[in-house]
């Protein structure tokens, strides 16, 4: 009986630490991380077409200035709580310039040092 309880606890812990995006990635986290990635204020864009695939949540963004982005975040749950990655976004119709920031050319010293500008 004791061994069964230990295995059940281990299985529950494994399930919690590898939770899918539908549980671990909240709409608020998507909005917050997308605002940061695009350099926009929360509330100045709309998130639509969210789909969850394992730990990845993909979605579309339309800004108040009518720009459109395809974005995704990844997420999971650990003993410390939920963890959501930074948003990765590509502006639609821009052809995906590899290594360039999606924020319209905004570049800082860290991005320059990494060769991303």
PDB file of N, CA and C in Angstrom:
ATOM      1  N   UNK A   1       0.823  -1.190   0.000  1.00  0.00           N
ATOM      2  CA  UNK A   1       0.000   0.000   0.000  1.00  0.00           C
ATOM      3  C   UNK A   1       0.866   1.253   0.000  1.00  0.00           C
ATOM      4  N   UNK A   2       1.933   1.228   0.804  1.00  0.00           N
ATOM      5  CA  UNK A   2       2.813   2.388   0.905  1.00  0.00           C
ATOM      6  C   UNK A   2       3.491   2.684  -0.432  1.00  0.00           C
ATOM      7  N   UNK A   3       3.891   1.638  -1.130  1.00  0.00           N
ATOM      8  CA  UNK A   3       4.538   1.790  -2.419  1.00  0.00           C
ATOM      9  C   UNK A   3       3.583   2.413  -3.438  1.00  0.00           C
ATOM     10  N   UNK A   4       2.311   2.029  -3.405  1.00  0.00           N
ATOM     11  CA  UNK A   4       1.305   2.576  -4.311  1.00  0.00           C
ATOM     12  C   UNK A   4       1.116   4.069  -4.069  1.00  0.00           C
ATOM     13  N   UNK A   5       1.085   4.475  -2.824  1.00  0.00           N
ATOM     14  CA  UNK A   5       0.934   5.893  -2.492  1.00  0.00           C
ATOM     15  C   UNK A   5       2.131   6.697  -2.980  1.00  0.00           C
ATOM     16  N   UNK A   6       3.313   6.132  -2.859  1.00  0.00           N
ATOM     17  CA  UNK A   6       4.521   6.824  -3.330  1.00  0.00           C
ATOM     18  C   UNK A   6       4.484   7.004  -4.835  1.00  0.00           C
ATOM     19  N   UNK A   7       4.074   5.968  -5.559  1.00  0.00           N
ATOM     20  CA  UNK A   7       3.975   6.074  -7.017  1.00  0.00           C
ATOM     21  C   UNK A   7       2.898   7.075  -7.426  1.00  0.00           C
ATOM     22  N   UNK A   8       1.794   7.101  -6.724  1.00  0.00           N
ATOM     23  CA  UNK A   8       0.730   8.057  -7.033  1.00  0.00           C
ATOM     24  C   UNK A   8       1.211   9.492  -6.805  1.00  0.00           C
ATOM     25  N   UNK A   9       1.945   9.714  -5.723  1.00  0.00           N
ATOM     26  CA  UNK A   9       2.489  11.047  -5.445  1.00  0.00           C
ATOM     27  C   UNK A   9       3.495  11.446  -6.507  1.00  0.00           C
ATOM     28  N   UNK A  10       4.344  10.516  -6.937  1.00  0.00           N
ATOM     29  CA  UNK A  10       5.321  10.785  -7.980  1.00  0.00           C
ATOM     30  C   UNK A  10       4.638  11.113  -9.310  1.00  0.00           C
ATOM     31  N   UNK A  11       3.603  10.368  -9.636  1.00  0.00           N
ATOM     32  CA  UNK A  11       2.858  10.624 -10.873  1.00  0.00           C
ATOM     33  C   UNK A  11       2.183  11.994 -10.835  1.00  0.00           C
ATOM     34  N   UNK A  12       1.623  12.357  -9.693  1.00  0.00           N
ATOM     35  CA  UNK A  12       0.989  13.668  -9.557  1.00  0.00           C
ATOM     36  C   UNK A  12       2.009  14.779  -9.699  1.00  0.00           C
ATOM     37  N   UNK A  13       3.187  14.619  -9.117  1.00  0.00           N
ATOM     38  CA  UNK A  13       4.250  15.615  -9.232  1.00  0.00           C
ATOM     39  C   UNK A  13       4.710  15.748 -10.677  1.00  0.00           C
ATOM     40  N   UNK A  14       4.866  14.637 -11.370  1.00  0.00           N
ATOM     41  CA  UNK A  14       5.273  14.674 -12.776  1.00  0.00           C
ATOM     42  C   UNK A  14       4.229  15.381 -13.626  1.00  0.00           C
ATOM     43  N   UNK A  15       2.962  15.132 -13.361  1.00  0.00           N
ATOM     44  CA  UNK A  15       1.892  15.783 -14.113  1.00  0.00           C
ATOM     45  C   UNK A  15       1.884  17.293 -13.866  1.00  0.00           C
ATOM     46  N   UNK A  16       2.139  17.692 -12.640  1.00  0.00           N
ATOM     47  CA  UNK A  16       2.138  19.117 -12.306  1.00  0.00           C
ATOM     48  C   UNK A  16       3.314  19.851 -12.923  1.00  0.00           C
ATOM     49  N   UNK A  17       4.470  19.208 -12.997  1.00  0.00           N
ATOM     50  CA  UNK A  17       5.651  19.884 -13.514  1.00  0.00           C
ATOM     51  C   UNK A  17       5.697  19.904 -15.037  1.00  0.00           C
ATOM     52  N   UNK A  18       4.839  19.166 -15.678  1.00  0.00           N
ATOM     53  CA  UNK A  18       4.823  19.170 -17.138  1.00  0.00           C
ATOM     54  C   UNK A  18       3.438  19.530 -17.658  1.00  0.00           C
ATOM     55  N   UNK A  19       2.751  20.390 -16.942  1.00  0.00           N
ATOM     56  CA  UNK A  19       1.388  20.763 -17.319  1.00  0.00           C
ATOM     57  C   UNK A  19       1.359  21.433 -18.681  1.00  0.00           C
ATOM     58  N   UNK A  20       0.262  21.272 -19.371  1.00  0.00           N
ATOM     59  CA  UNK A  20       0.150  21.840 -20.702  1.00  0.00           C
ATOM     60  C   UNK A  20      -0.157  23.336 -20.633  1.00  0.00           C
ATOM     61  N   UNK A  21       0.016  24.004 -21.766  1.00  0.00           N
ATOM     62  CA  UNK A  21      -0.140  25.453 -21.839  1.00  0.00           C
ATOM     63  C   UNK A  21      -1.552  25.897 -21.484  1.00  0.00           C
ATOM     64  N   UNK A  22      -2.550  25.062 -21.742  1.00  0.00           N
ATOM     65  CA  UNK A  22      -3.917  25.471 -21.434  1.00  0.00           C
ATOM     66  C   UNK A  22      -4.095  25.725 -19.945  1.00  0.00           C
ATOM     67  N   UNK A  23      -3.301  25.082 -19.124  1.00  0.00           N
ATOM     68  CA  UNK A  23      -3.361  25.292 -17.676  1.00  0.00           C
ATOM     69  C   UNK A  23      -2.312  26.288 -17.200  1.00  0.00           C
ATOM     70  N   UNK A  24      -1.103  26.181 -17.703  1.00  0.00           N
ATOM     71  CA  UNK A  24       0.005  26.964 -17.159  1.00  0.00           C
ATOM     72  C   UNK A  24       0.102  28.372 -17.720  1.00  0.00           C
ATOM     73  N   UNK A  25      -0.420  28.630 -18.909  1.00  0.00           N
ATOM     74  CA  UNK A  25      -0.306  29.952 -19.530  1.00  0.00           C
ATOM     75  C   UNK A  25      -1.654  30.665 -19.435  1.00  0.00           C
ATOM     76  N   UNK A  26      -1.716  31.700 -18.605  1.00  0.00           N
ATOM     77  CA  UNK A  26      -2.956  32.454 -18.444  1.00  0.00           C
ATOM     78  C   UNK A  26      -3.053  33.539 -19.515  1.00  0.00           C
ATOM     79  N   UNK A  27      -4.269  34.021 -19.740  1.00  0.00           N
ATOM     80  CA  UNK A  27      -4.463  35.118 -20.686  1.00  0.00           C
ATOM     81  C   UNK A  27      -3.715  36.367 -20.234  1.00  0.00           C
ATOM     82  N   UNK A  28      -3.667  36.596 -18.921  1.00  0.00           N
ATOM     83  CA  UNK A  28      -2.945  37.748 -18.396  1.00  0.00           C
ATOM     84  C   UNK A  28      -1.447  37.638 -18.687  1.00  0.00           C
ATOM     85  N   UNK A  29      -0.885  36.446 -18.549  1.00  0.00           N
ATOM     86  CA  UNK A  29       0.535  36.247 -18.848  1.00  0.00           C
ATOM     87  C   UNK A  29       0.814  36.497 -20.325  1.00  0.00           C
ATOM     88  N   UNK A  30      -0.091  36.040 -21.183  1.00  0.00           N
ATOM     89  CA  UNK A  30       0.073  36.290 -22.620  1.00  0.00           C
ATOM     90  C   UNK A  30       0.059  37.789 -22.897  1.00  0.00           C
ATOM     91  N   UNK A  31      -0.902  38.502 -22.332  1.00  0.00           N
ATOM     92  CA  UNK A  31      -0.996  39.937 -22.576  1.00  0.00           C
ATOM     93  C   UNK A  31       0.233  40.674 -22.031  1.00  0.00           C
ATOM     94  N   UNK A  32       0.652  40.337 -20.841  1.00  0.00           N
ATOM     95  CA  UNK A  32       1.807  40.997 -20.214  1.00  0.00           C
ATOM     96  C   UNK A  32       3.087  40.734 -21.009  1.00  0.00           C
ATOM     97  N   UNK A  33       3.350  39.479 -21.375  1.00  0.00           N
ATOM     98  CA  UNK A  33       4.576  39.134 -22.089  1.00  0.00           C
ATOM     99  C   UNK A  33       4.574  39.651 -23.517  1.00  0.00           C
ATOM    100  N   UNK A  34       3.405  39.698 -24.140  1.00  0.00           N
ATOM    101  CA  UNK A  34       3.307  40.241 -25.491  1.00  0.00           C
ATOM    102  C   UNK A  34       3.540  41.742 -25.480  1.00  0.00           C
ATOM    103  N   UNK A  35       2.971  42.437 -24.509  1.00  0.00           N
ATOM    104  CA  UNK A  35       3.190  43.881 -24.395  1.00  0.00           C
ATOM    105  C   UNK A  35       4.674  44.178 -24.262  1.00  0.00           C
ATOM    106  N   UNK A  36       5.362  43.397 -23.454  1.00  0.00           N
ATOM    107  CA  UNK A  36       6.793  43.611 -23.265  1.00  0.00           C
ATOM    108  C   UNK A  36       7.569  43.301 -24.543  1.00  0.00           C
ATOM    109  N   UNK A  37       7.235  42.213 -25.221  1.00  0.00           N
ATOM    110  CA  UNK A  37       7.959  41.815 -26.428  1.00  0.00           C
ATOM    111  C   UNK A  37       7.788  42.823 -27.559  1.00  0.00           C
ATOM    112  N   UNK A  38       6.594  43.392 -27.667  1.00  0.00           N
ATOM    113  CA  UNK A  38       6.321  44.324 -28.766  1.00  0.00           C
ATOM    114  C   UNK A  38       6.543  45.780 -28.379  1.00  0.00           C
ATOM    115  N   UNK A  39       6.820  46.041 -27.111  1.00  0.00           N
ATOM    116  CA  UNK A  39       7.022  47.417 -26.669  1.00  0.00           C
ATOM    117  C   UNK A  39       5.745  48.227 -26.684  1.00  0.00           C
ATOM    118  N   UNK A  40       4.639  47.577 -26.369  1.00  0.00           N
ATOM    119  CA  UNK A  40       3.327  48.227 -26.373  1.00  0.00           C
ATOM    120  C   UNK A  40       2.741  48.227 -24.966  1.00  0.00           C
ATOM    121  N   UNK A  41       1.827  49.126 -24.730  1.00  0.00           N
ATOM    122  CA  UNK A  41       1.109  49.143 -23.462  1.00  0.00           C
ATOM    123  C   UNK A  41       0.013  48.080 -23.487  1.00  0.00           C
ATOM    124  N   UNK A  42      -0.227  47.459 -22.326  1.00  0.00           N
ATOM    125  CA  UNK A  42      -1.348  46.523 -22.239  1.00  0.00           C
ATOM    126  C   UNK A  42      -2.617  47.266 -22.606  1.00  0.00           C
ATOM    127  N   UNK A  43      -3.489  46.600 -23.337  1.00  0.00           N
ATOM    128  CA  UNK A  43      -4.751  47.207 -23.732  1.00  0.00           C
ATOM    129  C   UNK A  43      -4.702  47.897 -25.083  1.00  0.00           C
ATOM    130  N   UNK A  44      -3.512  47.950 -25.721  1.00  0.00           N
ATOM    131  CA  UNK A  44      -3.410  48.592 -27.038  1.00  0.00           C
ATOM    132  C   UNK A  44      -3.362  47.569 -28.163  1.00  0.00           C
ATOM    133  N   UNK A  45      -3.694  46.329 -27.836  1.00  0.00           N
ATOM    134  CA  UNK A  45      -3.731  45.266 -28.834  1.00  0.00           C
ATOM    135  C   UNK A  45      -4.742  44.212 -28.405  1.00  0.00           C
ATOM    136  N   UNK A  46      -5.123  43.375 -29.363  1.00  0.00           N
ATOM    137  CA  UNK A  46      -6.095  42.314 -29.121  1.00  0.00           C
ATOM    138  C   UNK A  46      -5.460  40.971 -29.442  1.00  0.00           C
ATOM    139  N   UNK A  47      -5.647  40.017 -28.558  1.00  0.00           N
ATOM    140  CA  UNK A  47      -5.145  38.656 -28.753  1.00  0.00           C
ATOM    141  C   UNK A  47      -6.305  37.789 -29.229  1.00  0.00           C
ATOM    142  N   UNK A  48      -6.087  37.054 -30.327  1.00  0.00           N
ATOM    143  CA  UNK A  48      -7.126  36.171 -30.872  1.00  0.00           C
ATOM    144  C   UNK A  48      -6.507  34.835 -31.285  1.00  0.00           C
ATOM    145  N   UNK A  49      -7.363  33.913 -31.620  1.00  0.00           N
ATOM    146  CA  UNK A  49      -6.979  32.624 -32.210  1.00  0.00           C
ATOM    147  C   UNK A  49      -5.953  31.848 -31.389  1.00  0.00           C
ATOM    148  N   UNK A  50      -6.116  31.843 -30.073  1.00  0.00           N
ATOM    149  CA  UNK A  50      -5.186  31.097 -29.229  1.00  0.00           C
ATOM    150  C   UNK A  50      -5.390  29.605 -29.431  1.00  0.00           C
ATOM    151  N   UNK A  51      -4.274  28.889 -29.575  1.00  0.00           N
ATOM    152  CA  UNK A  51      -4.326  27.429 -29.624  1.00  0.00           C
ATOM    153  C   UNK A  51      -3.187  26.893 -28.776  1.00  0.00           C
ATOM    154  N   UNK A  52      -3.479  25.835 -28.044  1.00  0.00           N
ATOM    155  CA  UNK A  52      -2.501  25.220 -27.155  1.00  0.00           C
ATOM    156  C   UNK A  52      -2.052  23.897 -27.743  1.00  0.00           C
ATOM    157  N   UNK A  53      -0.743  23.701 -27.773  1.00  0.00           N
ATOM    158  CA  UNK A  53      -0.173  22.461 -28.285  1.00  0.00           C
ATOM    159  C   UNK A  53       0.926  22.034 -27.321  1.00  0.00           C
ATOM    160  N   UNK A  54       0.597  21.167 -26.406  1.00  0.00           N
ATOM    161  CA  UNK A  54       1.559  20.764 -25.383  1.00  0.00           C
ATOM    162  C   UNK A  54       1.865  21.934 -24.468  1.00  0.00           C
ATOM    163  N   UNK A  55       3.120  22.322 -24.378  1.00  0.00           N
ATOM    164  CA  UNK A  55       3.512  23.435 -23.517  1.00  0.00           C
ATOM    165  C   UNK A  55       3.531  24.769 -24.265  1.00  0.00           C
ATOM    166  N   UNK A  56       3.151  24.774 -25.526  1.00  0.00           N
ATOM    167  CA  UNK A  56       3.206  25.979 -26.365  1.00  0.00           C
ATOM    168  C   UNK A  56       1.806  26.536 -26.602  1.00  0.00           C
ATOM    169  N   UNK A  57       1.669  27.848 -26.405  1.00  0.00           N
ATOM    170  CA  UNK A  57       0.424  28.545 -26.720  1.00  0.00           C
ATOM    171  C   UNK A  57       0.714  29.512 -27.865  1.00  0.00           C
ATOM    172  N   UNK A  58       0.061  29.299 -29.002  1.00  0.00           N
ATOM    173  CA  UNK A  58       0.224  30.169 -30.172  1.00  0.00           C
ATOM    174  C   UNK A  58      -1.000  31.048 -30.300  1.00  0.00           C
ATOM    175  N   UNK A  59      -0.809  32.271 -30.802  1.00  0.00           N
ATOM    176  CA  UNK A  59      -1.928  33.206 -30.913  1.00  0.00           C
ATOM    177  C   UNK A  59      -1.593  34.327 -31.894  1.00  0.00           C
ATOM    178  N   UNK A  60      -2.621  35.066 -32.283  1.00  0.00           N
ATOM    179  CA  UNK A  60      -2.479  36.211 -33.183  1.00  0.00           C
ATOM    180  C   UNK A  60      -2.690  37.487 -32.383  1.00  0.00           C
ATOM    181  N   UNK A  61      -2.016  38.553 -32.800  1.00  0.00           N
ATOM    182  CA  UNK A  61      -2.135  39.854 -32.150  1.00  0.00           C
ATOM    183  C   UNK A  61      -2.427  40.904 -33.214  1.00  0.00           C
ATOM    184  N   UNK A  62      -3.408  41.758 -32.921  1.00  0.00           N
ATOM    185  CA  UNK A  62      -3.687  42.926 -33.782  1.00  0.00           C
ATOM    186  C   UNK A  62      -3.586  44.156 -32.897  1.00  0.00           C
ATOM    187  N   UNK A  63      -2.720  45.083 -33.315  1.00  0.00           N
ATOM    188  CA  UNK A  63      -2.521  46.299 -32.527  1.00  0.00           C
ATOM    189  C   UNK A  63      -3.574  47.341 -32.903  1.00  0.00           C
ATOM    190  N   UNK A  64      -3.691  48.362 -32.069  1.00  0.00           N
ATOM    191  CA  UNK A  64      -4.616  49.461 -32.372  1.00  0.00           C
ATOM    192  C   UNK A  64      -4.211  50.196 -33.645  1.00  0.00           C
ATOM    193  N   UNK A  65      -2.933  50.100 -34.036  1.00  0.00           N
ATOM    194  CA  UNK A  65      -2.474  50.734 -35.280  1.00  0.00           C
ATOM    195  C   UNK A  65      -2.569  49.776 -36.466  1.00  0.00           C
ATOM    196  N   UNK A  66      -3.297  48.666 -36.290  1.00  0.00           N
ATOM    197  CA  UNK A  66      -3.596  47.669 -37.334  1.00  0.00           C
ATOM    198  C   UNK A  66      -2.420  46.816 -37.790  1.00  0.00           C
ATOM    199  N   UNK A  67      -1.377  46.721 -36.990  1.00  0.00           N
ATOM    200  CA  UNK A  67      -0.309  45.771 -37.302  1.00  0.00           C
ATOM    201  C   UNK A  67      -0.748  44.419 -36.775  1.00  0.00           C
ATOM    202  N   UNK A  68      -0.323  43.350 -37.465  1.00  0.00           N
ATOM    203  CA  UNK A  68      -0.676  42.001 -37.053  1.00  0.00           C
ATOM    204  C   UNK A  68       0.588  41.191 -36.802  1.00  0.00           C
ATOM    205  N   UNK A  69       0.562  40.394 -35.731  1.00  0.00           N
ATOM    206  CA  UNK A  69       1.687  39.561 -35.352  1.00  0.00           C
ATOM    207  C   UNK A  69       1.209  38.139 -35.093  1.00  0.00           C
ATOM    208  N   UNK A  70       2.084  37.202 -35.385  1.00  0.00           N
ATOM    209  CA  UNK A  70       1.896  35.812 -34.992  1.00  0.00           C
ATOM    210  C   UNK A  70       2.860  35.582 -33.835  1.00  0.00           C
ATOM    211  N   UNK A  71       2.342  35.111 -32.685  1.00  0.00           N
ATOM    212  CA  UNK A  71       3.161  34.993 -31.478  1.00  0.00           C
ATOM    213  C   UNK A  71       2.982  33.635 -30.815  1.00  0.00           C
ATOM    214  N   UNK A  72       3.923  33.324 -29.938  1.00  0.00           N
ATOM    215  CA  UNK A  72       3.761  32.153 -29.080  1.00  0.00           C
ATOM    216  C   UNK A  72       4.541  32.347 -27.789  1.00  0.00           C
ATOM    217  N   UNK A  73       4.108  31.639 -26.763  1.00  0.00           N
ATOM    218  CA  UNK A  73       4.819  31.518 -25.492  1.00  0.00           C
ATOM    219  C   UNK A  73       4.800  30.046 -25.108  1.00  0.00           C
ATOM    220  N   UNK A  74       5.687  29.667 -24.229  1.00  0.00           N
ATOM    221  CA  UNK A  74       5.657  28.326 -23.666  1.00  0.00           C
ATOM    222  C   UNK A  74       5.498  28.447 -22.161  1.00  0.00           C
ATOM    223  N   UNK A  75       4.981  27.416 -21.550  1.00  0.00           N
ATOM    224  CA  UNK A  75       4.775  27.487 -20.114  1.00  0.00           C
ATOM    225  C   UNK A  75       4.715  26.129 -19.466  1.00  0.00           C
ATOM    226  N   UNK A  76       4.914  26.144 -18.180  1.00  0.00           N
ATOM    227  CA  UNK A  76       4.850  24.928 -17.389  1.00  0.00           C
ATOM    228  C   UNK A  76       4.599  25.281 -15.935  1.00  0.00           C
ATOM    229  N   UNK A  77       4.419  24.263 -15.131  1.00  0.00           N
ATOM    230  CA  UNK A  77       4.171  24.449 -13.711  1.00  0.00           C
ATOM    231  C   UNK A  77       5.211  23.638 -12.952  1.00  0.00           C
ATOM    232  N   UNK A  78       5.800  24.259 -11.954  1.00  0.00           N
ATOM    233  CA  UNK A  78       6.763  23.560 -11.110  1.00  0.00           C
ATOM    234  C   UNK A  78       6.374  23.755  -9.651  1.00  0.00           C
ATOM    235  N   UNK A  79       7.214  23.325  -8.771  1.00  0.00           N
ATOM    236  CA  UNK A  79       6.947  23.502  -7.345  1.00  0.00           C
ATOM    237  C   UNK A  79       6.919  24.979  -6.968  1.00  0.00           C
ATOM    238  N   UNK A  80       7.561  25.810  -7.761  1.00  0.00           N
ATOM    239  CA  UNK A  80       7.602  27.245  -7.495  1.00  0.00           C
ATOM    240  C   UNK A  80       6.411  27.992  -8.093  1.00  0.00           C
ATOM    241  N   UNK A  81       5.594  27.316  -8.875  1.00  0.00           N
ATOM    242  CA  UNK A  81       4.421  27.940  -9.496  1.00  0.00           C
ATOM    243  C   UNK A  81       4.500  27.893 -11.011  1.00  0.00           C
ATOM    244  N   UNK A  82       3.704  28.735 -11.632  1.00  0.00           N
ATOM    245  CA  UNK A  82       3.664  28.793 -13.097  1.00  0.00           C
ATOM    246  C   UNK A  82       4.873  29.552 -13.633  1.00  0.00           C
ATOM    247  N   UNK A  83       5.359  29.104 -14.786  1.00  0.00           N
ATOM    248  CA  UNK A  83       6.459  29.775 -15.464  1.00  0.00           C
ATOM    249  C   UNK A  83       6.074  29.920 -16.929  1.00  0.00           C
ATOM    250  N   UNK A  84       6.152  31.147 -17.449  1.00  0.00           N
ATOM    251  CA  UNK A  84       5.798  31.420 -18.837  1.00  0.00           C
ATOM    252  C   UNK A  84       6.972  32.125 -19.500  1.00  0.00           C
ATOM    253  N   UNK A  85       7.324  31.688 -20.692  1.00  0.00           N
ATOM    254  CA  UNK A  85       8.451  32.279 -21.417  1.00  0.00           C
ATOM    255  C   UNK A  85       8.107  33.673 -21.919  1.00  0.00           C
ATOM    256  N   UNK A  86       9.122  34.363 -22.398  1.00  0.00           N
ATOM    257  CA  UNK A  86       8.896  35.612 -23.107  1.00  0.00           C
ATOM    258  C   UNK A  86       8.096  35.291 -24.368  1.00  0.00           C
ATOM    259  N   UNK A  87       7.340  36.264 -24.850  1.00  0.00           N
ATOM    260  CA  UNK A  87       6.599  36.073 -26.095  1.00  0.00           C
ATOM    261  C   UNK A  87       7.554  36.212 -27.274  1.00  0.00           C
ATOM    262  N   UNK A  88       7.387  35.349 -28.247  1.00  0.00           N
ATOM    263  CA  UNK A  88       8.129  35.414 -29.497  1.00  0.00           C
ATOM    264  C   UNK A  88       7.115  35.791 -30.565  1.00  0.00           C
ATOM    265  N   UNK A  89       7.335  36.920 -31.232  1.00  0.00           N
ATOM    266  CA  UNK A  89       6.372  37.433 -32.203  1.00  0.00           C
ATOM    267  C   UNK A  89       7.039  37.778 -33.520  1.00  0.00           C
ATOM    268  N   UNK A  90       6.317  37.550 -34.606  1.00  0.00           N
ATOM    269  CA  UNK A  90       6.750  37.941 -35.946  1.00  0.00           C
ATOM    270  C   UNK A  90       5.637  38.738 -36.586  1.00  0.00           C
ATOM    271  N   UNK A  91       5.984  39.893 -37.125  1.00  0.00           N
ATOM    272  CA  UNK A  91       4.976  40.710 -37.790  1.00  0.00           C
ATOM    273  C   UNK A  91       4.587  40.051 -39.103  1.00  0.00           C
ATOM    274  N   UNK A  92       3.291  39.939 -39.342  1.00  0.00           N
ATOM    275  CA  UNK A  92       2.809  39.318 -40.571  1.00  0.00           C
ATOM    276  C   UNK A  92       3.146  40.211 -41.761  1.00  0.00           C
ATOM    277  N   UNK A  93       3.580  39.588 -42.844  1.00  0.00           N
ATOM    278  CA  UNK A  93       3.891  40.318 -44.063  1.00  0.00           C
ATOM    279  C   UNK A  93       5.284  40.914 -44.092  1.00  0.00           C
ATOM    280  N   UNK A  94       6.088  40.664 -43.061  1.00  0.00           N
ATOM    281  CA  UNK A  94       7.438  41.231 -43.025  1.00  0.00           C
ATOM    282  C   UNK A  94       8.511  40.227 -43.435  1.00  0.00           C
ATOM    283  N   UNK A  95       8.150  39.009 -43.691  1.00  0.00           N
ATOM    284  CA  UNK A  95       9.099  38.036 -44.198  1.00  0.00           C
ATOM    285  C   UNK A  95      10.045  37.427 -43.180  1.00  0.00           C
ATOM    286  N   UNK A  96       9.920  37.768 -41.918  1.00  0.00           N
ATOM    287  CA  UNK A  96      10.715  37.117 -40.881  1.00  0.00           C
ATOM    288  C   UNK A  96      12.203  37.344 -40.985  1.00  0.00           C
ATOM    289  N   UNK A  97      12.674  38.559 -40.771  1.00  0.00           N
ATOM    290  CA  UNK A  97      14.102  38.850 -40.788  1.00  0.00           C
ATOM    291  C   UNK A  97      14.769  38.125 -39.627  1.00  0.00           C
ATOM    292  N   UNK A  98      15.572  37.117 -39.937  1.00  0.00           N
ATOM    293  CA  UNK A  98      16.187  36.284 -38.910  1.00  0.00           C
ATOM    294  C   UNK A  98      17.167  37.114 -38.091  1.00  0.00           C
ATOM    295  N   UNK A  99      17.037  36.992 -36.762  1.00  0.00           N
ATOM    296  CA  UNK A  99      17.955  37.664 -35.865  1.00  0.00           C
ATOM    297  C   UNK A  99      17.626  39.114 -35.594  1.00  0.00           C
ATOM    298  N   UNK A 100      16.600  39.644 -36.194  1.00  0.00           N
ATOM    299  CA  UNK A 100      16.225  41.040 -35.980  1.00  0.00           C
ATOM    300  C   UNK A 100      15.053  41.101 -35.028  1.00  0.00           C
ATOM    301  N   UNK A 101      15.018  42.111 -34.150  1.00  0.00           N
ATOM    302  CA  UNK A 101      13.900  42.223 -33.217  1.00  0.00           C
ATOM    303  C   UNK A 101      12.609  42.531 -33.961  1.00  0.00           C
ATOM    304  N   UNK A 102      11.481  42.017 -33.437  1.00  0.00           N
ATOM    305  CA  UNK A 102      10.178  42.215 -34.073  1.00  0.00           C
ATOM    306  C   UNK A 102       9.564  43.552 -33.715  1.00  0.00           C
ATOM    307  N   UNK A 103      10.266  44.386 -33.012  1.00  0.00           N
ATOM    308  CA  UNK A 103       9.696  45.634 -32.518  1.00  0.00           C
ATOM    309  C   UNK A 103       9.986  46.808 -33.438  1.00  0.00           C
ATOM    310  N   UNK A 104      10.156  46.553 -34.726  1.00  0.00           N
ATOM    311  CA  UNK A 104      10.338  47.636 -35.674  1.00  0.00           C
ATOM    312  C   UNK A 104      11.736  48.231 -35.649  1.00  0.00           C
ATOM    313  N   UNK A 105      12.761  47.449 -35.279  1.00  0.00           N
ATOM    314  CA  UNK A 105      14.123  47.920 -35.338  1.00  0.00           C
ATOM    315  C   UNK A 105      14.663  48.435 -34.016  1.00  0.00           C
ATOM    316  N   UNK A 106      13.901  48.386 -32.953  1.00  0.00           N
ATOM    317  CA  UNK A 106      14.391  48.825 -31.662  1.00  0.00           C
ATOM    318  C   UNK A 106      15.575  47.955 -31.272  1.00  0.00           C
ATOM    319  N   UNK A 107      16.680  48.597 -30.925  1.00  0.00           N
ATOM    320  CA  UNK A 107      17.878  47.852 -30.598  1.00  0.00           C
ATOM    321  C   UNK A 107      18.542  48.482 -29.385  1.00  0.00           C
ATOM    322  N   UNK A 108      18.968  47.626 -28.454  1.00  0.00           N
ATOM    323  CA  UNK A 108      19.684  48.113 -27.287  1.00  0.00           C
ATOM    324  C   UNK A 108      21.078  47.502 -27.280  1.00  0.00           C
ATOM    325  N   UNK A 109      21.885  47.867 -26.281  1.00  0.00           N
ATOM    326  CA  UNK A 109      23.273  47.403 -26.216  1.00  0.00           C
ATOM    327  C   UNK A 109      23.372  45.887 -26.127  1.00  0.00           C
ATOM    328  N   UNK A 110      22.455  45.253 -25.396  1.00  0.00           N
ATOM    329  CA  UNK A 110      22.482  43.806 -25.257  1.00  0.00           C
ATOM    330  C   UNK A 110      22.193  43.111 -26.586  1.00  0.00           C
ATOM    331  N   UNK A 111      21.203  43.608 -27.326  1.00  0.00           N
ATOM    332  CA  UNK A 111      20.901  43.028 -28.639  1.00  0.00           C
ATOM    333  C   UNK A 111      22.047  43.250 -29.617  1.00  0.00           C
ATOM    334  N   UNK A 112      22.681  44.419 -29.560  1.00  0.00           N
ATOM    335  CA  UNK A 112      23.840  44.683 -30.424  1.00  0.00           C
ATOM    336  C   UNK A 112      24.975  43.732 -30.118  1.00  0.00           C
ATOM    337  N   UNK A 113      25.258  43.519 -28.825  1.00  0.00           N
ATOM    338  CA  UNK A 113      26.327  42.628 -28.415  1.00  0.00           C
ATOM    339  C   UNK A 113      26.064  41.189 -28.862  1.00  0.00           C
ATOM    340  N   UNK A 114      24.802  40.813 -28.929  1.00  0.00           N
ATOM    341  CA  UNK A 114      24.437  39.459 -29.342  1.00  0.00           C
ATOM    342  C   UNK A 114      24.355  39.318 -30.856  1.00  0.00           C
ATOM    343  N   UNK A 115      24.601  40.423 -31.575  1.00  0.00           N
ATOM    344  CA  UNK A 115      24.543  40.382 -33.037  1.00  0.00           C
ATOM    345  C   UNK A 115      23.134  40.283 -33.577  1.00  0.00           C
ATOM    346  N   UNK A 116      22.150  40.750 -32.818  1.00  0.00           N
ATOM    347  CA  UNK A 116      20.757  40.649 -33.230  1.00  0.00           C
ATOM    348  C   UNK A 116      20.256  41.919 -33.905  1.00  0.00           C
ATOM    349  N   UNK A 117      21.099  42.910 -34.090  1.00  0.00           N
ATOM    350  CA  UNK A 117      20.682  44.168 -34.723  1.00  0.00           C
ATOM    351  C   UNK A 117      21.497  44.450 -35.956  1.00  0.00           C
TER     352      UNK A 117
END
